[in-house]
């Protein structure tokens, strides 16, 4: 079960990294949008990751797994779909 926790934490970390990169690219390009939603998504992911780690430290591994995998599951599915799209149709025509 600890392996599933680590996998979920890595998936959430990748989602945080992608959202942060999007935020930085928008700042570099001086985008006209204010990116409040992306900032809130980053804060929510960090809060859920912290809560999951806190629960794991206090021996509530099942609750930590639920907290970690609720946002990680859709991100993992989206990653699988994107990977399949790249494999099936690599030229995007």
PDB file of N, CA and C in Angstrom:
ATOM      1  N   UNK A   1       0.816  -1.196   0.000  1.00  0.00           N
ATOM      2  CA  UNK A   1       0.000   0.000   0.000  1.00  0.00           C
ATOM      3  C   UNK A   1       0.858   1.258   0.000  1.00  0.00           C
ATOM      4  N   UNK A   2       2.032   1.143   0.582  1.00  0.00           N
ATOM      5  CA  UNK A   2       2.917   2.305   0.612  1.00  0.00           C
ATOM      6  C   UNK A   2       3.407   2.656  -0.793  1.00  0.00           C
ATOM      7  N   UNK A   3       3.555   1.626  -1.636  1.00  0.00           N
ATOM      8  CA  UNK A   3       3.958   1.879  -3.019  1.00  0.00           C
ATOM      9  C   UNK A   3       2.884   2.661  -3.754  1.00  0.00           C
ATOM     10  N   UNK A   4       1.611   2.324  -3.528  1.00  0.00           N
ATOM     11  CA  UNK A   4       0.517   3.062  -4.159  1.00  0.00           C
ATOM     12  C   UNK A   4       0.501   4.516  -3.689  1.00  0.00           C
ATOM     13  N   UNK A   5       0.842   4.732  -2.428  1.00  0.00           N
ATOM     14  CA  UNK A   5       0.921   6.098  -1.917  1.00  0.00           C
ATOM     15  C   UNK A   5       2.015   6.874  -2.646  1.00  0.00           C
ATOM     16  N   UNK A   6       3.168   6.250  -2.808  1.00  0.00           N
ATOM     17  CA  UNK A   6       4.283   6.927  -3.478  1.00  0.00           C
ATOM     18  C   UNK A   6       3.966   7.204  -4.942  1.00  0.00           C
ATOM     19  N   UNK A   7       3.316   6.255  -5.621  1.00  0.00           N
ATOM     20  CA  UNK A   7       2.942   6.463  -7.022  1.00  0.00           C
ATOM     21  C   UNK A   7       1.959   7.621  -7.135  1.00  0.00           C
ATOM     22  N   UNK A   8       0.966   7.660  -6.256  1.00  0.00           N
ATOM     23  CA  UNK A   8       0.002   8.761  -6.263  1.00  0.00           C
ATOM     24  C   UNK A   8       0.657  10.096  -5.965  1.00  0.00           C
ATOM     25  N   UNK A   9       1.602  10.096  -5.042  1.00  0.00           N
ATOM     26  CA  UNK A   9       2.307  11.340  -4.710  1.00  0.00           C
ATOM     27  C   UNK A   9       3.143  11.824  -5.890  1.00  0.00           C
ATOM     28  N   UNK A  10       3.764  10.903  -6.612  1.00  0.00           N
ATOM     29  CA  UNK A  10       4.553  11.284  -7.789  1.00  0.00           C
ATOM     30  C   UNK A  10       3.647  11.845  -8.877  1.00  0.00           C
ATOM     31  N   UNK A  11       2.493  11.219  -9.098  1.00  0.00           N
ATOM     32  CA  UNK A  11       1.545  11.720 -10.101  1.00  0.00           C
ATOM     33  C   UNK A  11       1.078  13.120  -9.726  1.00  0.00           C
ATOM     34  N   UNK A  12       0.759  13.334  -8.463  1.00  0.00           N
ATOM     35  CA  UNK A  12       0.356  14.674  -8.022  1.00  0.00           C
ATOM     36  C   UNK A  12       1.504  15.671  -8.161  1.00  0.00           C
ATOM     37  N   UNK A  13       2.717  15.236  -7.876  1.00  0.00           N
ATOM     38  CA  UNK A  13       3.871  16.111  -8.049  1.00  0.00           C
ATOM     39  C   UNK A  13       4.071  16.512  -9.503  1.00  0.00           C
ATOM     40  N   UNK A  14       3.852  15.575 -10.416  1.00  0.00           N
ATOM     41  CA  UNK A  14       3.950  15.892 -11.842  1.00  0.00           C
ATOM     42  C   UNK A  14       2.868  16.887 -12.234  1.00  0.00           C
ATOM     43  N   UNK A  15       1.652  16.714 -11.704  1.00  0.00           N
ATOM     44  CA  UNK A  15       0.569  17.656 -12.005  1.00  0.00           C
ATOM     45  C   UNK A  15       0.899  19.055 -11.480  1.00  0.00           C
ATOM     46  N   UNK A  16       1.476  19.133 -10.288  1.00  0.00           N
ATOM     47  CA  UNK A  16       1.887  20.431  -9.736  1.00  0.00           C
ATOM     48  C   UNK A  16       2.959  21.057 -10.616  1.00  0.00           C
ATOM     49  N   UNK A  17       3.921  20.254 -11.048  1.00  0.00           N
ATOM     50  CA  UNK A  17       5.001  20.758 -11.895  1.00  0.00           C
ATOM     51  C   UNK A  17       4.469  21.278 -13.234  1.00  0.00           C
ATOM     52  N   UNK A  18       3.548  20.543 -13.856  1.00  0.00           N
ATOM     53  CA  UNK A  18       2.973  20.979 -15.131  1.00  0.00           C
ATOM     54  C   UNK A  18       2.203  22.286 -14.953  1.00  0.00           C
ATOM     55  N   UNK A  19       1.413  22.383 -13.899  1.00  0.00           N
ATOM     56  CA  UNK A  19       0.652  23.615 -13.661  1.00  0.00           C
ATOM     57  C   UNK A  19       1.589  24.787 -13.378  1.00  0.00           C
ATOM     58  N   UNK A  20       2.652  24.537 -12.627  1.00  0.00           N
ATOM     59  CA  UNK A  20       3.610  25.605 -12.324  1.00  0.00           C
ATOM     60  C   UNK A  20       4.352  26.052 -13.584  1.00  0.00           C
ATOM     61  N   UNK A  21       4.716  25.104 -14.443  1.00  0.00           N
ATOM     62  CA  UNK A  21       5.376  25.460 -15.703  1.00  0.00           C
ATOM     63  C   UNK A  21       4.450  26.315 -16.558  1.00  0.00           C
ATOM     64  N   UNK A  22       3.166  25.953 -16.594  1.00  0.00           N
ATOM     65  CA  UNK A  22       2.196  26.754 -17.346  1.00  0.00           C
ATOM     66  C   UNK A  22       2.126  28.173 -16.780  1.00  0.00           C
ATOM     67  N   UNK A  23       2.156  28.289 -15.475  1.00  0.00           N
ATOM     68  CA  UNK A  23       2.124  29.602 -14.828  1.00  0.00           C
ATOM     69  C   UNK A  23       3.366  30.424 -15.181  1.00  0.00           C
ATOM     70  N   UNK A  24       4.524  29.796 -15.167  1.00  0.00           N
ATOM     71  CA  UNK A  24       5.773  30.494 -15.485  1.00  0.00           C
ATOM     72  C   UNK A  24       5.814  30.903 -16.958  1.00  0.00           C
ATOM     73  N   UNK A  25       5.373  30.019 -17.846  1.00  0.00           N
ATOM     74  CA  UNK A  25       5.367  30.351 -19.276  1.00  0.00           C
ATOM     75  C   UNK A  25       4.443  31.529 -19.539  1.00  0.00           C
ATOM     76  N   UNK A  26       3.281  31.550 -18.899  1.00  0.00           N
ATOM     77  CA  UNK A  26       2.382  32.694 -19.060  1.00  0.00           C
ATOM     78  C   UNK A  26       3.013  33.980 -18.533  1.00  0.00           C
ATOM     79  N   UNK A  27       3.765  33.883 -17.454  1.00  0.00           N
ATOM     80  CA  UNK A  27       4.426  35.078 -16.915  1.00  0.00           C
ATOM     81  C   UNK A  27       5.536  35.559 -17.844  1.00  0.00           C
ATOM     82  N   UNK A  28       6.270  34.624 -18.438  1.00  0.00           N
ATOM     83  CA  UNK A  28       7.345  35.004 -19.354  1.00  0.00           C
ATOM     84  C   UNK A  28       6.782  35.639 -20.619  1.00  0.00           C
ATOM     85  N   UNK A  29       5.681  35.066 -21.123  1.00  0.00           N
ATOM     86  CA  UNK A  29       5.067  35.601 -22.343  1.00  0.00           C
ATOM     87  C   UNK A  29       4.215  36.836 -22.070  1.00  0.00           C
ATOM     88  N   UNK A  30       4.115  37.234 -20.836  1.00  0.00           N
ATOM     89  CA  UNK A  30       3.307  38.383 -20.411  1.00  0.00           C
ATOM     90  C   UNK A  30       1.874  38.249 -20.917  1.00  0.00           C
ATOM     91  N   UNK A  31       1.270  37.128 -20.559  1.00  0.00           N
ATOM     92  CA  UNK A  31      -0.096  36.838 -20.975  1.00  0.00           C
ATOM     93  C   UNK A  31      -1.066  37.832 -20.344  1.00  0.00           C
ATOM     94  N   UNK A  32      -2.188  38.039 -21.006  1.00  0.00           N
ATOM     95  CA  UNK A  32      -3.182  38.984 -20.488  1.00  0.00           C
ATOM     96  C   UNK A  32      -4.075  38.354 -19.428  1.00  0.00           C
ATOM     97  N   UNK A  33      -4.039  37.028 -19.276  1.00  0.00           N
ATOM     98  CA  UNK A  33      -4.853  36.379 -18.248  1.00  0.00           C
ATOM     99  C   UNK A  33      -4.143  36.473 -16.904  1.00  0.00           C
ATOM    100  N   UNK A  34      -4.930  36.424 -15.834  1.00  0.00           N
ATOM    101  CA  UNK A  34      -4.341  36.580 -14.505  1.00  0.00           C
ATOM    102  C   UNK A  34      -3.994  35.247 -13.842  1.00  0.00           C
ATOM    103  N   UNK A  35      -4.476  34.124 -14.364  1.00  0.00           N
ATOM    104  CA  UNK A  35      -4.117  32.777 -13.904  1.00  0.00           C
ATOM    105  C   UNK A  35      -4.461  32.505 -12.442  1.00  0.00           C
ATOM    106  N   UNK A  36      -5.540  33.074 -11.958  1.00  0.00           N
ATOM    107  CA  UNK A  36      -5.956  32.822 -10.578  1.00  0.00           C
ATOM    108  C   UNK A  36      -6.360  31.366 -10.401  1.00  0.00           C
ATOM    109  N   UNK A  37      -7.029  30.807 -11.389  1.00  0.00           N
ATOM    110  CA  UNK A  37      -7.500  29.425 -11.292  1.00  0.00           C
ATOM    111  C   UNK A  37      -6.320  28.462 -11.223  1.00  0.00           C
ATOM    112  N   UNK A  38      -5.315  28.679 -12.033  1.00  0.00           N
ATOM    113  CA  UNK A  38      -4.149  27.795 -12.015  1.00  0.00           C
ATOM    114  C   UNK A  38      -3.414  27.909 -10.685  1.00  0.00           C
ATOM    115  N   UNK A  39      -3.329  29.100 -10.151  1.00  0.00           N
ATOM    116  CA  UNK A  39      -2.699  29.286  -8.846  1.00  0.00           C
ATOM    117  C   UNK A  39      -3.479  28.550  -7.760  1.00  0.00           C
ATOM    118  N   UNK A  40      -4.800  28.617  -7.810  1.00  0.00           N
ATOM    119  CA  UNK A  40      -5.625  27.892  -6.837  1.00  0.00           C
ATOM    120  C   UNK A  40      -5.488  26.382  -7.002  1.00  0.00           C
ATOM    121  N   UNK A  41      -5.357  25.911  -8.235  1.00  0.00           N
ATOM    122  CA  UNK A  41      -5.153  24.479  -8.469  1.00  0.00           C
ATOM    123  C   UNK A  41      -3.829  24.029  -7.859  1.00  0.00           C
ATOM    124  N   UNK A  42      -2.795  24.817  -8.038  1.00  0.00           N
ATOM    125  CA  UNK A  42      -1.493  24.476  -7.457  1.00  0.00           C
ATOM    126  C   UNK A  42      -1.580  24.435  -5.934  1.00  0.00           C
ATOM    127  N   UNK A  43      -2.232  25.419  -5.340  1.00  0.00           N
ATOM    128  CA  UNK A  43      -2.386  25.460  -3.879  1.00  0.00           C
ATOM    129  C   UNK A  43      -3.200  24.263  -3.389  1.00  0.00           C
ATOM    130  N   UNK A  44      -4.269  23.912  -4.104  1.00  0.00           N
ATOM    131  CA  UNK A  44      -5.100  22.771  -3.706  1.00  0.00           C
ATOM    132  C   UNK A  44      -4.319  21.462  -3.797  1.00  0.00           C
ATOM    133  N   UNK A  45      -3.554  21.286  -4.868  1.00  0.00           N
ATOM    134  CA  UNK A  45      -2.748  20.072  -5.000  1.00  0.00           C
ATOM    135  C   UNK A  45      -1.708  19.982  -3.890  1.00  0.00           C
ATOM    136  N   UNK A  46      -1.062  21.088  -3.577  1.00  0.00           N
ATOM    137  CA  UNK A  46      -0.062  21.076  -2.503  1.00  0.00           C
ATOM    138  C   UNK A  46      -0.726  20.781  -1.160  1.00  0.00           C
ATOM    139  N   UNK A  47      -1.917  21.342  -0.935  1.00  0.00           N
ATOM    140  CA  UNK A  47      -2.636  21.083   0.318  1.00  0.00           C
ATOM    141  C   UNK A  47      -3.024  19.609   0.425  1.00  0.00           C
ATOM    142  N   UNK A  48      -3.520  19.022  -0.668  1.00  0.00           N
ATOM    143  CA  UNK A  48      -3.893  17.605  -0.632  1.00  0.00           C
ATOM    144  C   UNK A  48      -2.671  16.711  -0.466  1.00  0.00           C
ATOM    145  N   UNK A  49      -1.576  17.059  -1.099  1.00  0.00           N
ATOM    146  CA  UNK A  49      -0.349  16.288  -0.949  1.00  0.00           C
ATOM    147  C   UNK A  49       0.161  16.362   0.490  1.00  0.00           C
ATOM    148  N   UNK A  50       0.090  17.544   1.083  1.00  0.00           N
ATOM    149  CA  UNK A  50       0.509  17.722   2.474  1.00  0.00           C
ATOM    150  C   UNK A  50      -0.403  16.961   3.428  1.00  0.00           C
ATOM    151  N   UNK A  51      -1.717  17.028   3.186  1.00  0.00           N
ATOM    152  CA  UNK A  51      -2.666  16.294   4.028  1.00  0.00           C
ATOM    153  C   UNK A  51      -2.434  14.790   3.930  1.00  0.00           C
ATOM    154  N   UNK A  52      -2.201  14.294   2.736  1.00  0.00           N
ATOM    155  CA  UNK A  52      -1.924  12.869   2.563  1.00  0.00           C
ATOM    156  C   UNK A  52      -0.663  12.442   3.288  1.00  0.00           C
ATOM    157  N   UNK A  53       0.383  13.249   3.200  1.00  0.00           N
ATOM    158  CA  UNK A  53       1.628  12.940   3.898  1.00  0.00           C
ATOM    159  C   UNK A  53       1.426  12.982   5.413  1.00  0.00           C
ATOM    160  N   UNK A  54       0.657  13.965   5.896  1.00  0.00           N
ATOM    161  CA  UNK A  54       0.364  14.073   7.324  1.00  0.00           C
ATOM    162  C   UNK A  54      -0.401  12.840   7.813  1.00  0.00           C
ATOM    163  N   UNK A  55      -1.390  12.403   7.036  1.00  0.00           N
ATOM    164  CA  UNK A  55      -2.150  11.211   7.418  1.00  0.00           C
ATOM    165  C   UNK A  55      -1.265   9.967   7.416  1.00  0.00           C
ATOM    166  N   UNK A  56      -0.359   9.872   6.457  1.00  0.00           N
ATOM    167  CA  UNK A  56       0.545   8.723   6.404  1.00  0.00           C
ATOM    168  C   UNK A  56       1.470   8.707   7.616  1.00  0.00           C
ATOM    169  N   UNK A  57       1.934   9.880   8.022  1.00  0.00           N
ATOM    170  CA  UNK A  57       2.817   9.948   9.188  1.00  0.00           C
ATOM    171  C   UNK A  57       2.116   9.504  10.466  1.00  0.00           C
ATOM    172  N   UNK A  58       0.811   9.715  10.531  1.00  0.00           N
ATOM    173  CA  UNK A  58       0.043   9.356  11.725  1.00  0.00           C
ATOM    174  C   UNK A  58      -0.681   8.026  11.565  1.00  0.00           C
ATOM    175  N   UNK A  59      -0.141   7.160  10.706  1.00  0.00           N
ATOM    176  CA  UNK A  59      -0.594   5.780  10.519  1.00  0.00           C
ATOM    177  C   UNK A  59      -2.045   5.659  10.072  1.00  0.00           C
ATOM    178  N   UNK A  60      -2.496   6.570   9.254  1.00  0.00           N
ATOM    179  CA  UNK A  60      -3.816   6.482   8.622  1.00  0.00           C
ATOM    180  C   UNK A  60      -3.600   6.308   7.121  1.00  0.00           C
ATOM    181  N   UNK A  61      -3.023   5.163   6.756  1.00  0.00           N
ATOM    182  CA  UNK A  61      -2.589   4.958   5.380  1.00  0.00           C
ATOM    183  C   UNK A  61      -3.765   4.876   4.413  1.00  0.00           C
ATOM    184  N   UNK A  62      -4.875   4.262   4.829  1.00  0.00           N
ATOM    185  CA  UNK A  62      -6.032   4.171   3.925  1.00  0.00           C
ATOM    186  C   UNK A  62      -6.609   5.552   3.630  1.00  0.00           C
ATOM    187  N   UNK A  63      -6.720   6.388   4.645  1.00  0.00           N
ATOM    188  CA  UNK A  63      -7.214   7.752   4.425  1.00  0.00           C
ATOM    189  C   UNK A  63      -6.224   8.543   3.574  1.00  0.00           C
ATOM    190  N   UNK A  64      -4.932   8.327   3.798  1.00  0.00           N
ATOM    191  CA  UNK A  64      -3.919   9.018   3.000  1.00  0.00           C
ATOM    192  C   UNK A  64      -3.992   8.591   1.541  1.00  0.00           C
ATOM    193  N   UNK A  65      -4.228   7.304   1.304  1.00  0.00           N
ATOM    194  CA  UNK A  65      -4.364   6.824  -0.073  1.00  0.00           C
ATOM    195  C   UNK A  65      -5.563   7.457  -0.767  1.00  0.00           C
ATOM    196  N   UNK A  66      -6.662   7.584  -0.055  1.00  0.00           N
ATOM    197  CA  UNK A  66      -7.856   8.206  -0.644  1.00  0.00           C
ATOM    198  C   UNK A  66      -7.575   9.662  -0.977  1.00  0.00           C
ATOM    199  N   UNK A  67      -6.952  10.378  -0.040  1.00  0.00           N
ATOM    200  CA  UNK A  67      -6.665  11.801  -0.259  1.00  0.00           C
ATOM    201  C   UNK A  67      -5.687  11.985  -1.421  1.00  0.00           C
ATOM    202  N   UNK A  68      -4.717  11.110  -1.538  1.00  0.00           N
ATOM    203  CA  UNK A  68      -3.722  11.226  -2.605  1.00  0.00           C
ATOM    204  C   UNK A  68      -4.310  10.833  -3.958  1.00  0.00           C
ATOM    205  N   UNK A  69      -5.115   9.768  -3.997  1.00  0.00           N
ATOM    206  CA  UNK A  69      -5.568   9.242  -5.281  1.00  0.00           C
ATOM    207  C   UNK A  69      -6.805   9.922  -5.841  1.00  0.00           C
ATOM    208  N   UNK A  70      -7.535  10.691  -5.048  1.00  0.00           N
ATOM    209  CA  UNK A  70      -8.693  11.409  -5.607  1.00  0.00           C
ATOM    210  C   UNK A  70      -8.253  12.370  -6.710  1.00  0.00           C
ATOM    211  N   UNK A  71      -7.235  13.200  -6.533  1.00  0.00           N
ATOM    212  CA  UNK A  71      -6.804  14.027  -7.664  1.00  0.00           C
ATOM    213  C   UNK A  71      -5.845  13.304  -8.617  1.00  0.00           C
ATOM    214  N   UNK A  72      -5.152  12.271  -8.138  1.00  0.00           N
ATOM    215  CA  UNK A  72      -4.151  11.610  -8.981  1.00  0.00           C
ATOM    216  C   UNK A  72      -4.788  10.702 -10.027  1.00  0.00           C
ATOM    217  N   UNK A  73      -5.931  10.118  -9.730  1.00  0.00           N
ATOM    218  CA  UNK A  73      -6.562   9.182 -10.665  1.00  0.00           C
ATOM    219  C   UNK A  73      -6.946   9.843 -11.987  1.00  0.00           C
ATOM    220  N   UNK A  74      -7.645  10.999 -11.983  1.00  0.00           N
ATOM    221  CA  UNK A  74      -7.952  11.630 -13.271  1.00  0.00           C
ATOM    222  C   UNK A  74      -6.705  12.098 -14.024  1.00  0.00           C
ATOM    223  N   UNK A  75      -5.698  12.535 -13.293  1.00  0.00           N
ATOM    224  CA  UNK A  75      -4.458  12.966 -13.943  1.00  0.00           C
ATOM    225  C   UNK A  75      -3.770  11.766 -14.596  1.00  0.00           C
ATOM    226  N   UNK A  76      -3.770  10.629 -13.912  1.00  0.00           N
ATOM    227  CA  UNK A  76      -3.167   9.422 -14.478  1.00  0.00           C
ATOM    228  C   UNK A  76      -3.935   8.958 -15.716  1.00  0.00           C
ATOM    229  N   UNK A  77      -5.262   9.001 -15.653  1.00  0.00           N
ATOM    230  CA  UNK A  77      -6.059   8.624 -16.824  1.00  0.00           C
ATOM    231  C   UNK A  77      -5.791   9.552 -18.000  1.00  0.00           C
ATOM    232  N   UNK A  78      -5.699  10.840 -17.741  1.00  0.00           N
ATOM    233  CA  UNK A  78      -5.412  11.798 -18.803  1.00  0.00           C
ATOM    234  C   UNK A  78      -4.028  11.535 -19.404  1.00  0.00           C
ATOM    235  N   UNK A  79      -3.066  11.212 -18.577  1.00  0.00           N
ATOM    236  CA  UNK A  79      -1.733  10.884 -19.077  1.00  0.00           C
ATOM    237  C   UNK A  79      -1.732   9.636 -19.942  1.00  0.00           C
ATOM    238  N   UNK A  80      -2.509   8.631 -19.538  1.00  0.00           N
ATOM    239  CA  UNK A  80      -2.616   7.407 -20.336  1.00  0.00           C
ATOM    240  C   UNK A  80      -3.271   7.698 -21.679  1.00  0.00           C
ATOM    241  N   UNK A  81      -4.329   8.507 -21.679  1.00  0.00           N
ATOM    242  CA  UNK A  81      -5.004   8.857 -22.931  1.00  0.00           C
ATOM    243  C   UNK A  81      -4.059   9.622 -23.851  1.00  0.00           C
ATOM    244  N   UNK A  82      -3.318  10.589 -23.322  1.00  0.00           N
ATOM    245  CA  UNK A  82      -2.363  11.338 -24.145  1.00  0.00           C
ATOM    246  C   UNK A  82      -1.279  10.418 -24.701  1.00  0.00           C
ATOM    247  N   UNK A  83      -0.803   9.495 -23.881  1.00  0.00           N
ATOM    248  CA  UNK A  83       0.209   8.552 -24.336  1.00  0.00           C
ATOM    249  C   UNK A  83      -0.334   7.665 -25.450  1.00  0.00           C
ATOM    250  N   UNK A  84      -1.568   7.195 -25.301  1.00  0.00           N
ATOM    251  CA  UNK A  84      -2.188   6.391 -26.361  1.00  0.00           C
ATOM    252  C   UNK A  84      -2.384   7.197 -27.635  1.00  0.00           C
ATOM    253  N   UNK A  85      -2.771   8.462 -27.505  1.00  0.00           N
ATOM    254  CA  UNK A  85      -2.912   9.306 -28.691  1.00  0.00           C
ATOM    255  C   UNK A  85      -1.584   9.484 -29.415  1.00  0.00           C
ATOM    256  N   UNK A  86      -0.522   9.633 -28.675  1.00  0.00           N
ATOM    257  CA  UNK A  86       0.796   9.784 -29.293  1.00  0.00           C
ATOM    258  C   UNK A  86       1.222   8.487 -29.973  1.00  0.00           C
ATOM    259  N   UNK A  87       0.941   7.351 -29.345  1.00  0.00           N
ATOM    260  CA  UNK A  87       1.329   6.063 -29.921  1.00  0.00           C
ATOM    261  C   UNK A  87       0.497   5.743 -31.160  1.00  0.00           C
ATOM    262  N   UNK A  88      -0.807   5.957 -31.088  1.00  0.00           N
ATOM    263  CA  UNK A  88      -1.701   5.596 -32.188  1.00  0.00           C
ATOM    264  C   UNK A  88      -1.571   6.555 -33.361  1.00  0.00           C
ATOM    265  N   UNK A  89      -1.494   7.850 -33.106  1.00  0.00           N
ATOM    266  CA  UNK A  89      -1.476   8.850 -34.167  1.00  0.00           C
ATOM    267  C   UNK A  89      -0.342   9.848 -33.912  1.00  0.00           C
ATOM    268  N   UNK A  90       0.902   9.456 -34.173  1.00  0.00           N
ATOM    269  CA  UNK A  90       2.017  10.335 -33.811  1.00  0.00           C
ATOM    270  C   UNK A  90       2.163  11.583 -34.673  1.00  0.00           C
ATOM    271  N   UNK A  91       1.531  11.648 -35.860  1.00  0.00           N
ATOM    272  CA  UNK A  91       1.712  12.818 -36.713  1.00  0.00           C
ATOM    273  C   UNK A  91       0.664  13.897 -36.468  1.00  0.00           C
ATOM    274  N   UNK A  92      -0.361  13.614 -35.686  1.00  0.00           N
ATOM    275  CA  UNK A  92      -1.412  14.570 -35.314  1.00  0.00           C
ATOM    276  C   UNK A  92      -2.073  15.229 -36.516  1.00  0.00           C
ATOM    277  N   UNK A  93      -2.312  14.461 -37.573  1.00  0.00           N
ATOM    278  CA  UNK A  93      -2.996  15.005 -38.754  1.00  0.00           C
ATOM    279  C   UNK A  93      -4.431  14.555 -38.792  1.00  0.00           C
TER     280      UNK A  93
END
